[in-house]
């Protein structure tokens, strides 16, 4: 049975409280910025949460208009408050379990951080195809996410670095290995596909839509 604790405000608040405690957390964001074009027009953030990644991208690329998508009521309240005075940011309530709305339009960059691993594997692949369709030619997709370890022992060792046991693992996680996701991106037509950064179960996967 699939469990999704992100419908609970307490789960979202707990993640935000401990986000900075995740080792090398900011390294993933720094690596992502290396692949964001210098002057993008629009950026889409999938599973935007409180808007942290969207803010990081917009600080690094002033003038880019942003769209943040999330379904958690707690997160939506926080991201709307963060960008309340910014007319260049639009917040859309949407659950990534369902197809991306056509009304979102197209983007030069699509980013995501620690969100896509919560959807089923079948949905991950479908979502990657929808991302491709919403990118402009030469548009870039960058996903910093939680991925599967090759062995249970390595997964347990990762949890230890977070101060957790296997019994305390988040049941919302639906982790998938890097190699499968890279293969999917290539099969879907992305170019320059690679895992550009990785620390244990944290990884940056990226690809470019052909021109």
Protein backbone atom coordinates (compact mmCIF):
# COMPACT_ATOMS: atom_id res chain seq x y z
CA UNK A 1 0.00 0.00 0.00
CA UNK A 2 1.36 3.39 -1.02
CA UNK A 3 1.63 5.91 1.82
CA UNK A 4 1.91 9.65 1.24
CA UNK A 5 2.53 11.58 4.44
CA UNK A 6 2.86 14.88 2.57
CA UNK A 7 -0.86 15.46 2.94
CA UNK A 8 -0.11 16.06 6.62
CA UNK A 9 1.02 19.55 7.65
CA UNK A 10 3.16 18.11 10.44
CA UNK A 11 5.19 16.05 7.95
CA UNK A 12 5.87 19.10 5.78
CA UNK A 13 6.88 21.17 8.82
CA UNK A 14 9.20 18.43 10.05
CA UNK A 15 10.98 18.30 6.69
CA UNK A 16 11.45 22.08 6.60
CA UNK A 17 12.74 22.09 10.17
CA UNK A 18 15.39 19.47 9.42
CA UNK A 19 16.20 20.30 5.79
CA UNK A 20 19.41 22.11 6.66
CA UNK A 21 20.57 19.09 8.67
CA UNK A 22 20.82 16.90 5.56
CA UNK A 23 24.53 16.51 4.74
CA UNK A 24 25.62 18.15 1.46
CA UNK A 25 22.07 19.44 0.96
CA UNK A 26 23.20 22.77 -0.51
CA UNK A 27 25.82 21.11 -2.74
CA UNK A 28 23.04 19.67 -4.87
CA UNK A 29 21.52 23.10 -5.43
CA UNK A 30 24.91 24.58 -6.30
CA UNK A 31 25.52 21.83 -8.85
CA UNK A 32 22.06 22.39 -10.35
CA UNK A 33 22.76 26.08 -10.95
CA UNK A 34 25.73 25.17 -13.14
CA UNK A 35 23.30 23.78 -15.72
CA UNK A 36 20.71 26.57 -15.68
CA UNK A 37 21.10 28.82 -18.76
CA UNK A 38 22.40 32.34 -18.23
CA UNK A 39 19.23 34.17 -19.26
CA UNK A 40 16.17 31.92 -19.05
CA UNK A 41 12.77 33.47 -19.61
CA UNK A 42 10.58 31.10 -17.55
CA UNK A 43 11.36 28.41 -14.98
CA UNK A 44 9.03 25.73 -13.63
CA UNK A 45 9.67 24.19 -10.20
CA UNK A 46 7.97 20.83 -9.69
CA UNK A 47 7.11 20.12 -6.07
CA UNK A 48 8.23 23.59 -5.10
CA UNK A 49 7.55 23.15 -1.37
CA UNK A 50 8.17 26.46 0.37
CA UNK A 51 9.78 27.85 -2.81
CA UNK A 52 13.37 27.41 -1.68
CA UNK A 53 14.75 26.10 -4.99
CA UNK A 54 12.67 28.55 -7.01
CA UNK A 55 14.17 31.35 -4.93
CA UNK A 56 17.69 29.99 -5.43
CA UNK A 57 17.24 29.93 -9.20
CA UNK A 58 15.67 33.36 -9.37
CA UNK A 59 18.38 34.89 -7.18
CA UNK A 60 21.01 33.43 -9.51
CA UNK A 61 19.14 34.41 -12.70
CA UNK A 62 17.49 37.79 -12.00
CA UNK A 63 14.53 38.54 -14.20
CA UNK A 64 13.38 34.97 -14.81
CA UNK A 65 9.66 34.45 -14.27
CA UNK A 66 8.83 31.45 -12.08
CA UNK A 67 6.01 28.97 -11.68
CA UNK A 68 5.92 26.75 -8.60
CA UNK A 69 3.75 23.64 -8.44
CA UNK A 70 2.82 21.79 -5.24
CA UNK A 71 -0.16 20.09 -3.60
CA UNK A 72 0.62 20.30 0.12
CA UNK A 73 -1.56 22.91 1.81
CA UNK A 74 1.23 23.67 4.28
CA UNK A 75 3.79 24.16 1.50
CA UNK A 76 1.41 26.17 -0.66
CA UNK A 77 0.81 28.59 2.18
CA UNK A 78 4.54 29.06 2.68
CA UNK A 79 5.47 29.51 -0.97
CA UNK A 80 2.65 31.99 -1.51
CA UNK A 81 3.83 33.98 1.49
CA UNK A 82 7.42 33.91 0.23
CA UNK A 83 6.51 35.38 -3.15
CA UNK A 84 3.47 37.43 -2.10
CA UNK A 85 5.02 40.67 -3.36
CA UNK A 86 6.57 39.23 -6.50
CA UNK A 87 4.32 39.46 -9.58
CA UNK A 88 6.79 37.38 -11.61
CA UNK A 89 6.04 34.22 -9.59
CA UNK A 90 2.90 32.12 -10.01
CA UNK A 91 1.97 29.33 -7.60
CA UNK A 92 -0.16 26.47 -8.93
CA UNK A 93 -1.85 23.83 -6.78
CA UNK A 94 -1.27 20.49 -8.47
CA UNK A 95 -0.42 16.94 -7.38
CA UNK A 96 2.41 15.43 -9.42
CA UNK A 97 0.53 12.12 -9.36
CA UNK A 98 -1.57 13.62 -12.16
CA UNK A 99 -0.54 14.96 -15.60
CA UNK A 100 0.88 18.47 -15.69
CA UNK A 101 -1.78 21.00 -16.73
CA UNK A 102 -1.48 22.32 -20.28
CA UNK A 103 -2.20 25.77 -18.87
CA UNK A 104 1.30 25.92 -17.40
CA UNK A 105 2.71 26.80 -20.82
CA UNK A 106 6.32 26.22 -21.84
CA UNK A 107 9.61 26.87 -20.09
CA UNK A 108 13.30 27.35 -20.71
CA UNK A 109 14.12 25.45 -17.52
CA UNK A 110 12.28 22.87 -15.44
CA UNK A 111 13.73 22.10 -12.02
CA UNK A 112 12.76 19.93 -9.09
CA UNK A 113 14.26 19.16 -5.71
CA UNK A 114 13.46 16.14 -3.54
CA UNK A 115 9.92 15.76 -4.85
CA UNK A 116 9.69 13.35 -7.79
CA UNK A 117 10.83 10.37 -5.71
CA UNK A 118 7.45 10.50 -3.98
CA UNK A 119 5.52 9.43 -7.11
CA UNK A 120 5.31 5.90 -8.47
CA UNK A 121 7.96 4.70 -10.90
CA UNK A 122 5.43 4.56 -13.73
CA UNK A 123 4.45 8.13 -12.97
CA UNK A 124 8.10 9.24 -12.84
CA UNK A 125 8.64 8.15 -16.42
CA UNK A 126 5.42 9.73 -17.62
CA UNK A 127 6.28 12.97 -15.80
CA UNK A 128 9.68 13.10 -17.49
CA UNK A 129 7.88 12.92 -20.84
CA UNK A 130 5.56 15.75 -19.82
CA UNK A 131 8.58 17.83 -18.78
CA UNK A 132 10.10 17.30 -22.21
CA UNK A 133 6.87 18.46 -23.87
CA UNK A 134 6.79 21.64 -21.79
CA UNK A 135 10.39 22.62 -22.46
CA UNK A 136 11.31 25.02 -25.22
CA UNK A 137 13.90 23.74 -27.73
CA UNK A 138 17.28 23.55 -25.96
CA UNK A 139 15.43 23.79 -22.65
CA UNK A 140 17.02 22.14 -19.63
CA UNK A 141 15.61 19.76 -17.02
CA UNK A 142 17.46 19.53 -13.69
CA UNK A 143 16.26 17.20 -10.94
CA UNK A 144 18.01 17.05 -7.56
CA UNK A 145 16.41 14.08 -5.90
CA UNK A 146 16.56 11.19 -3.49
CA UNK A 147 17.52 8.03 -5.37
CA UNK A 148 17.84 4.35 -4.46
CA UNK A 149 21.03 2.81 -3.14
CA UNK A 150 22.30 -0.34 -4.90
CA UNK A 151 21.99 -2.44 -1.73
CA UNK A 152 19.96 -2.45 1.49
CA UNK A 153 23.19 -2.05 3.48
CA UNK A 154 24.08 1.14 1.62
CA UNK A 155 20.55 2.44 2.16
CA UNK A 156 20.81 1.77 5.88
CA UNK A 157 24.20 3.51 5.95
CA UNK A 158 22.63 6.56 4.28
CA UNK A 159 19.89 6.67 6.89
CA UNK A 160 22.53 6.55 9.63
CA UNK A 161 24.05 9.77 8.25
CA UNK A 162 20.61 11.35 8.77
CA UNK A 163 20.36 10.01 12.30
CA UNK A 164 17.56 7.60 11.39
CA UNK A 165 16.97 3.87 11.51
CA UNK A 166 15.29 1.76 8.85
CA UNK A 167 12.18 1.74 11.03
CA UNK A 168 12.12 5.54 10.86
CA UNK A 169 12.43 5.67 7.08
CA UNK A 170 9.83 7.83 5.28
CA UNK A 171 7.14 5.50 3.88
CA UNK A 172 6.30 8.15 1.28
CA UNK A 173 9.58 7.49 -0.54
CA UNK A 174 9.45 5.49 -3.78
CA UNK A 175 13.14 5.41 -4.57
CA UNK A 176 14.55 4.42 -7.96
CA UNK A 177 18.11 3.89 -9.09
CA UNK A 178 20.00 6.52 -11.08
CA UNK A 179 20.72 4.28 -14.08
CA UNK A 180 17.06 3.56 -14.81
CA UNK A 181 16.12 7.23 -14.65
CA UNK A 182 18.98 8.27 -16.93
CA UNK A 183 17.94 5.59 -19.43
CA UNK A 184 14.36 6.85 -19.37
CA UNK A 185 15.45 10.42 -20.05
CA UNK A 186 17.49 9.26 -23.05
CA UNK A 187 14.62 7.12 -24.35
CA UNK A 188 12.31 10.12 -24.08
CA UNK A 189 14.60 12.15 -26.32
CA UNK A 190 16.66 14.21 -23.90
CA UNK A 191 20.25 14.95 -24.86
CA UNK A 192 23.37 15.45 -22.72
CA UNK A 193 21.78 13.25 -20.06
CA UNK A 194 23.95 12.55 -17.04
CA UNK A 195 24.16 12.33 -13.28
CA UNK A 196 26.25 15.44 -12.67
CA UNK A 197 26.50 15.20 -8.89
CA UNK A 198 25.88 12.47 -6.34
CA UNK A 199 26.38 11.91 -2.63
CA UNK A 200 25.06 8.58 -1.39
CA UNK A 201 21.31 8.75 -2.12
CA UNK A 202 21.22 12.39 -3.27
CA UNK A 203 21.78 13.01 -6.97
CA UNK A 204 21.43 15.60 -9.71
CA UNK A 205 20.01 14.20 -12.95
CA UNK A 206 19.81 16.52 -15.95
CA UNK A 207 19.14 16.57 -19.66
CA UNK A 208 18.45 18.98 -22.51
CA UNK A 209 15.60 18.98 -25.02
CA UNK A 210 16.94 18.92 -28.58
CA UNK A 211 16.84 22.17 -30.53
